[in-house]
């Protein structure tokens, strides 16, 4: 069995060559100049693949944040606003957390702000 660091790219596994070609056709790797040995090719393919995965995760996170924001905005205030901290209600003046959607009376919101 040969050592991966010395195996030529022409003898690389099919899956590695397929990923190399996929990324090369998209312009992320040089199709005309594959690495001379498998280890170099593998390292470049992994780097491109990890970058692609990171971008996918970031896009999913952005979609989740947007969905949460839309959900909170569409929910609006409760019919009879009640402070989640002290239970006071029904409130005519209240603050709603943009992160959680929780409703607070002005006094509790002020106390929470003082603690920060």
N, C-alpha and C. Protein backbone atom coordinates (compact mmCIF):
# COMPACT_ATOMS: atom_id res chain seq x y z
N UNK A 1 0.85 -1.18 0.00
CA UNK A 1 0.00 0.00 0.00
C UNK A 1 0.89 1.24 0.00
N UNK A 2 0.54 2.22 -0.81
CA UNK A 2 1.37 3.41 -0.91
C UNK A 2 1.01 4.43 0.17
N UNK A 3 1.94 5.28 0.45
CA UNK A 3 1.74 6.34 1.44
C UNK A 3 0.97 7.47 0.75
N UNK A 4 -0.13 8.00 1.39
CA UNK A 4 -0.94 9.04 0.73
C UNK A 4 -0.15 10.26 0.29
N UNK A 5 0.91 10.60 1.03
CA UNK A 5 1.67 11.79 0.66
C UNK A 5 2.45 11.62 -0.63
N UNK A 6 2.67 10.38 -1.06
CA UNK A 6 3.47 10.17 -2.26
C UNK A 6 2.67 9.62 -3.44
N UNK A 7 1.37 9.37 -3.23
CA UNK A 7 0.54 8.84 -4.31
C UNK A 7 0.25 9.96 -5.30
N UNK A 8 0.44 9.67 -6.58
CA UNK A 8 0.20 10.71 -7.58
C UNK A 8 -1.31 10.93 -7.76
N UNK A 9 -1.65 12.13 -8.21
CA UNK A 9 -3.07 12.47 -8.37
C UNK A 9 -3.75 11.58 -9.40
N UNK A 10 -2.99 11.09 -10.36
CA UNK A 10 -3.60 10.22 -11.37
C UNK A 10 -4.10 8.92 -10.77
N UNK A 11 -3.55 8.53 -9.62
CA UNK A 11 -3.99 7.32 -8.92
C UNK A 11 -4.94 7.62 -7.76
N UNK A 12 -5.47 8.82 -7.70
CA UNK A 12 -6.36 9.23 -6.60
C UNK A 12 -7.67 8.47 -6.68
N UNK A 13 -8.34 8.30 -5.54
CA UNK A 13 -9.66 7.66 -5.54
C UNK A 13 -10.65 8.43 -6.42
N UNK A 14 -11.60 7.71 -6.97
CA UNK A 14 -12.59 8.32 -7.86
C UNK A 14 -13.34 9.46 -7.19
N UNK A 15 -13.72 9.27 -5.91
CA UNK A 15 -14.49 10.30 -5.20
C UNK A 15 -13.71 11.61 -5.11
N UNK A 16 -12.40 11.52 -4.86
CA UNK A 16 -11.58 12.73 -4.78
C UNK A 16 -11.50 13.42 -6.14
N UNK A 17 -11.31 12.63 -7.18
CA UNK A 17 -11.27 13.22 -8.52
C UNK A 17 -12.61 13.86 -8.89
N UNK A 18 -13.70 13.22 -8.49
CA UNK A 18 -15.03 13.76 -8.80
C UNK A 18 -15.24 15.10 -8.08
N UNK A 19 -14.86 15.18 -6.80
CA UNK A 19 -14.99 16.45 -6.08
C UNK A 19 -14.07 17.51 -6.67
N UNK A 20 -12.85 17.10 -7.05
CA UNK A 20 -11.93 18.05 -7.67
C UNK A 20 -12.57 18.63 -8.92
N UNK A 21 -13.10 17.76 -9.77
CA UNK A 21 -13.72 18.22 -11.02
C UNK A 21 -14.94 19.10 -10.75
N UNK A 22 -15.75 18.74 -9.76
CA UNK A 22 -16.93 19.53 -9.42
C UNK A 22 -16.52 20.95 -9.04
N UNK A 23 -15.54 21.07 -8.13
CA UNK A 23 -15.12 22.39 -7.67
C UNK A 23 -14.35 23.14 -8.77
N UNK A 24 -13.62 22.40 -9.60
CA UNK A 24 -12.88 23.04 -10.69
C UNK A 24 -13.84 23.60 -11.73
N UNK A 25 -14.92 22.86 -12.03
CA UNK A 25 -15.90 23.36 -13.00
C UNK A 25 -16.60 24.60 -12.50
N UNK A 26 -16.71 24.76 -11.18
CA UNK A 26 -17.31 25.96 -10.60
C UNK A 26 -16.29 27.08 -10.45
N UNK A 27 -15.04 26.82 -10.81
CA UNK A 27 -14.01 27.85 -10.75
C UNK A 27 -13.33 27.99 -9.40
N UNK A 28 -13.55 27.05 -8.49
CA UNK A 28 -12.96 27.16 -7.17
C UNK A 28 -11.60 26.47 -7.09
N UNK A 29 -11.30 25.61 -8.03
CA UNK A 29 -10.00 24.96 -8.15
C UNK A 29 -9.60 25.01 -9.62
N UNK A 30 -8.30 24.89 -9.89
CA UNK A 30 -7.80 24.98 -11.25
C UNK A 30 -7.91 23.62 -11.94
N UNK A 31 -8.80 23.51 -12.91
CA UNK A 31 -9.04 22.25 -13.61
C UNK A 31 -7.81 21.78 -14.38
N UNK A 32 -7.02 22.71 -14.89
CA UNK A 32 -5.85 22.35 -15.70
C UNK A 32 -4.66 21.92 -14.85
N UNK A 33 -4.69 22.26 -13.56
CA UNK A 33 -3.53 21.98 -12.74
C UNK A 33 -3.92 21.28 -11.44
N UNK A 34 -4.31 20.02 -11.51
CA UNK A 34 -4.57 19.31 -10.26
C UNK A 34 -3.26 19.10 -9.51
N UNK A 35 -3.36 18.98 -8.22
CA UNK A 35 -2.16 18.81 -7.41
C UNK A 35 -1.40 17.55 -7.85
N UNK A 36 -0.11 17.56 -7.65
CA UNK A 36 0.73 16.45 -8.09
C UNK A 36 0.50 15.19 -7.25
N UNK A 37 0.16 15.39 -5.98
CA UNK A 37 -0.05 14.22 -5.12
C UNK A 37 -1.42 14.30 -4.46
N UNK A 38 -1.89 13.15 -4.02
CA UNK A 38 -3.24 13.03 -3.47
C UNK A 38 -3.43 13.91 -2.23
N UNK A 39 -2.46 13.95 -1.34
CA UNK A 39 -2.59 14.73 -0.10
C UNK A 39 -2.85 16.20 -0.40
N UNK A 40 -2.12 16.77 -1.35
CA UNK A 40 -2.33 18.18 -1.72
C UNK A 40 -3.73 18.39 -2.29
N UNK A 41 -4.15 17.50 -3.16
CA UNK A 41 -5.48 17.60 -3.76
C UNK A 41 -6.55 17.47 -2.69
N UNK A 42 -6.38 16.51 -1.80
CA UNK A 42 -7.34 16.29 -0.71
C UNK A 42 -7.46 17.54 0.15
N UNK A 43 -6.33 18.14 0.52
CA UNK A 43 -6.36 19.34 1.36
C UNK A 43 -7.10 20.49 0.68
N UNK A 44 -6.89 20.65 -0.62
CA UNK A 44 -7.58 21.73 -1.33
C UNK A 44 -9.08 21.45 -1.45
N UNK A 45 -9.44 20.20 -1.73
CA UNK A 45 -10.86 19.85 -1.85
C UNK A 45 -11.57 20.03 -0.50
N UNK A 46 -10.92 19.60 0.57
CA UNK A 46 -11.52 19.75 1.91
C UNK A 46 -11.71 21.23 2.23
N UNK A 47 -10.74 22.06 1.93
CA UNK A 47 -10.86 23.50 2.22
C UNK A 47 -12.06 24.11 1.49
N UNK A 48 -12.22 23.77 0.23
CA UNK A 48 -13.35 24.31 -0.55
C UNK A 48 -14.67 23.75 -0.01
N UNK A 49 -14.68 22.46 0.33
CA UNK A 49 -15.90 21.83 0.83
C UNK A 49 -16.31 22.43 2.18
N UNK A 50 -15.36 22.68 3.08
CA UNK A 50 -15.67 23.30 4.37
C UNK A 50 -16.18 24.72 4.20
N UNK A 51 -15.61 25.45 3.26
CA UNK A 51 -16.09 26.82 2.98
C UNK A 51 -17.55 26.77 2.51
N UNK A 52 -17.85 25.83 1.64
CA UNK A 52 -19.21 25.66 1.13
C UNK A 52 -20.18 25.32 2.27
N UNK A 53 -19.76 24.44 3.15
CA UNK A 53 -20.61 24.05 4.28
C UNK A 53 -20.84 25.23 5.22
N UNK A 54 -19.79 26.02 5.49
CA UNK A 54 -19.91 27.19 6.37
C UNK A 54 -20.89 28.20 5.77
N UNK A 55 -20.82 28.43 4.47
CA UNK A 55 -21.74 29.36 3.82
C UNK A 55 -23.18 28.85 3.91
N UNK A 56 -23.37 27.55 3.79
CA UNK A 56 -24.71 26.97 3.91
C UNK A 56 -25.25 27.17 5.31
N UNK A 57 -24.43 26.93 6.32
CA UNK A 57 -24.86 27.11 7.72
C UNK A 57 -25.21 28.57 7.98
N UNK A 58 -24.39 29.50 7.48
CA UNK A 58 -24.67 30.92 7.67
C UNK A 58 -25.99 31.32 7.01
N UNK A 59 -26.27 30.77 5.84
CA UNK A 59 -27.52 31.08 5.15
C UNK A 59 -28.71 30.52 5.93
N UNK A 60 -28.57 29.32 6.48
CA UNK A 60 -29.66 28.74 7.28
C UNK A 60 -29.89 29.57 8.53
N UNK A 61 -28.81 29.98 9.20
CA UNK A 61 -28.95 30.82 10.40
C UNK A 61 -29.65 32.13 10.07
N UNK A 62 -29.31 32.75 8.95
CA UNK A 62 -29.96 34.00 8.54
C UNK A 62 -31.45 33.76 8.28
N UNK A 63 -31.79 32.65 7.63
CA UNK A 63 -33.19 32.33 7.39
C UNK A 63 -33.95 32.14 8.69
N UNK A 64 -33.33 31.48 9.66
CA UNK A 64 -33.98 31.27 10.96
C UNK A 64 -34.19 32.60 11.67
N UNK A 65 -33.17 33.47 11.65
CA UNK A 65 -33.33 34.78 12.29
C UNK A 65 -34.46 35.57 11.63
N UNK A 66 -34.51 35.54 10.30
CA UNK A 66 -35.57 36.26 9.60
C UNK A 66 -36.95 35.68 9.91
N UNK A 67 -37.04 34.36 9.99
CA UNK A 67 -38.31 33.72 10.32
C UNK A 67 -38.76 34.08 11.73
N UNK A 68 -37.81 34.10 12.69
CA UNK A 68 -38.15 34.49 14.07
C UNK A 68 -38.63 35.93 14.11
N UNK A 69 -37.94 36.81 13.41
CA UNK A 69 -38.33 38.22 13.38
C UNK A 69 -39.72 38.37 12.78
N UNK A 70 -39.98 37.69 11.67
CA UNK A 70 -41.30 37.75 11.04
C UNK A 70 -42.39 37.21 11.95
N UNK A 71 -42.08 36.11 12.64
CA UNK A 71 -43.05 35.49 13.53
C UNK A 71 -43.39 36.43 14.69
N UNK A 72 -42.36 37.04 15.28
CA UNK A 72 -42.61 37.96 16.39
C UNK A 72 -43.37 39.20 15.92
N UNK A 73 -43.03 39.70 14.73
CA UNK A 73 -43.71 40.88 14.22
C UNK A 73 -45.16 40.59 13.89
N UNK A 74 -45.44 39.41 13.36
CA UNK A 74 -46.81 39.09 12.98
C UNK A 74 -47.67 38.74 14.19
N UNK A 75 -47.04 38.28 15.27
CA UNK A 75 -47.81 37.91 16.46
C UNK A 75 -48.42 39.15 17.12
N UNK A 76 -47.68 40.27 17.11
CA UNK A 76 -48.18 41.48 17.72
C UNK A 76 -48.32 41.34 19.23
N UNK A 77 -48.79 42.39 19.88
CA UNK A 77 -48.94 42.32 21.33
C UNK A 77 -50.11 41.41 21.71
N UNK A 78 -50.08 40.86 22.91
CA UNK A 78 -51.20 40.03 23.34
C UNK A 78 -52.46 40.87 23.50
N UNK A 79 -53.63 40.20 23.46
CA UNK A 79 -54.91 40.92 23.58
C UNK A 79 -54.95 41.76 24.85
N UNK A 80 -54.60 41.17 25.96
CA UNK A 80 -54.51 41.91 27.21
C UNK A 80 -53.08 41.73 27.71
N UNK A 81 -52.26 42.74 27.45
CA UNK A 81 -50.85 42.64 27.79
C UNK A 81 -50.67 42.44 29.29
N UNK A 82 -49.81 41.47 29.63
CA UNK A 82 -49.49 41.17 31.03
C UNK A 82 -47.98 41.08 31.14
N UNK A 83 -47.43 41.65 32.19
CA UNK A 83 -45.98 41.62 32.40
C UNK A 83 -45.56 40.19 32.75
N UNK A 84 -44.60 39.67 32.03
CA UNK A 84 -44.15 38.30 32.29
C UNK A 84 -43.31 38.21 33.55
N UNK A 85 -42.82 39.35 34.03
CA UNK A 85 -41.96 39.33 35.23
C UNK A 85 -42.75 39.46 36.51
N UNK A 86 -43.67 40.41 36.57
CA UNK A 86 -44.40 40.64 37.83
C UNK A 86 -45.88 40.24 37.73
N UNK A 87 -46.36 39.98 36.53
CA UNK A 87 -47.75 39.55 36.35
C UNK A 87 -48.76 40.69 36.30
N UNK A 88 -48.30 41.93 36.33
CA UNK A 88 -49.21 43.07 36.29
C UNK A 88 -49.97 43.09 34.96
N UNK A 89 -51.23 43.46 35.02
CA UNK A 89 -51.99 43.53 33.79
C UNK A 89 -53.44 43.83 34.07
N UNK A 90 -54.27 44.14 33.15
CA UNK A 90 -53.88 44.40 31.77
C UNK A 90 -53.12 45.72 31.65
N UNK A 91 -52.08 45.71 30.85
CA UNK A 91 -51.23 46.88 30.70
C UNK A 91 -51.68 47.73 29.52
N UNK A 92 -51.68 49.03 29.74
CA UNK A 92 -51.95 49.95 28.63
C UNK A 92 -50.62 50.45 28.05
N UNK A 93 -49.57 50.43 28.86
CA UNK A 93 -48.22 50.78 28.40
C UNK A 93 -47.32 49.60 28.74
N UNK A 94 -46.57 49.16 27.76
CA UNK A 94 -45.69 48.01 27.98
C UNK A 94 -44.57 48.04 26.95
N UNK A 95 -43.55 47.25 27.21
CA UNK A 95 -42.43 47.09 26.28
C UNK A 95 -42.37 45.63 25.90
N UNK A 96 -42.07 45.37 24.64
CA UNK A 96 -41.97 44.01 24.15
C UNK A 96 -40.53 43.75 23.71
N UNK A 97 -39.95 42.67 24.18
CA UNK A 97 -38.59 42.29 23.81
C UNK A 97 -38.55 41.92 22.34
N UNK A 98 -37.62 42.53 21.62
CA UNK A 98 -37.49 42.20 20.19
C UNK A 98 -36.85 40.83 20.00
N UNK A 99 -36.15 40.34 21.02
CA UNK A 99 -35.49 39.04 20.90
C UNK A 99 -36.43 37.89 21.26
N UNK A 100 -37.17 38.02 22.36
CA UNK A 100 -38.01 36.91 22.83
C UNK A 100 -39.49 37.13 22.59
N UNK A 101 -39.90 38.38 22.41
CA UNK A 101 -41.32 38.67 22.25
C UNK A 101 -42.05 38.82 23.58
N UNK A 102 -41.32 38.72 24.70
CA UNK A 102 -41.93 38.84 26.03
C UNK A 102 -42.37 40.28 26.27
N UNK A 103 -43.47 40.44 27.04
CA UNK A 103 -44.02 41.76 27.36
C UNK A 103 -43.70 42.11 28.80
N UNK A 104 -43.23 43.37 29.02
CA UNK A 104 -42.86 43.83 30.35
C UNK A 104 -43.57 45.15 30.64
N UNK A 105 -43.93 45.35 31.91
CA UNK A 105 -44.48 46.65 32.32
C UNK A 105 -43.30 47.63 32.37
N UNK A 106 -43.56 48.94 32.31
CA UNK A 106 -42.47 49.92 32.30
C UNK A 106 -41.56 49.81 33.53
N UNK A 107 -42.13 49.49 34.69
CA UNK A 107 -41.33 49.40 35.91
C UNK A 107 -40.33 48.24 35.83
N UNK A 108 -40.79 47.06 35.43
CA UNK A 108 -39.89 45.90 35.31
C UNK A 108 -38.85 46.12 34.21
N UNK A 109 -39.26 46.73 33.12
CA UNK A 109 -38.32 47.01 32.04
C UNK A 109 -37.24 47.97 32.53
N UNK A 110 -37.63 48.97 33.31
CA UNK A 110 -36.66 49.91 33.87
C UNK A 110 -35.70 49.23 34.82
N UNK A 111 -36.24 48.34 35.68
CA UNK A 111 -35.36 47.61 36.60
C UNK A 111 -34.38 46.71 35.85
N UNK A 112 -34.85 46.09 34.81
CA UNK A 112 -33.97 45.22 34.02
C UNK A 112 -32.87 46.04 33.34
N UNK A 113 -33.21 47.22 32.90
CA UNK A 113 -32.23 48.10 32.24
C UNK A 113 -31.19 48.57 33.25
N UNK A 114 -31.60 48.84 34.49
CA UNK A 114 -30.67 49.27 35.53
C UNK A 114 -29.66 48.18 35.87
N UNK A 115 -30.08 46.93 35.77
CA UNK A 115 -29.21 45.80 36.12
C UNK A 115 -28.13 45.55 35.08
N UNK A 116 -28.29 46.05 33.89
CA UNK A 116 -27.31 45.82 32.82
C UNK A 116 -26.06 46.57 33.04
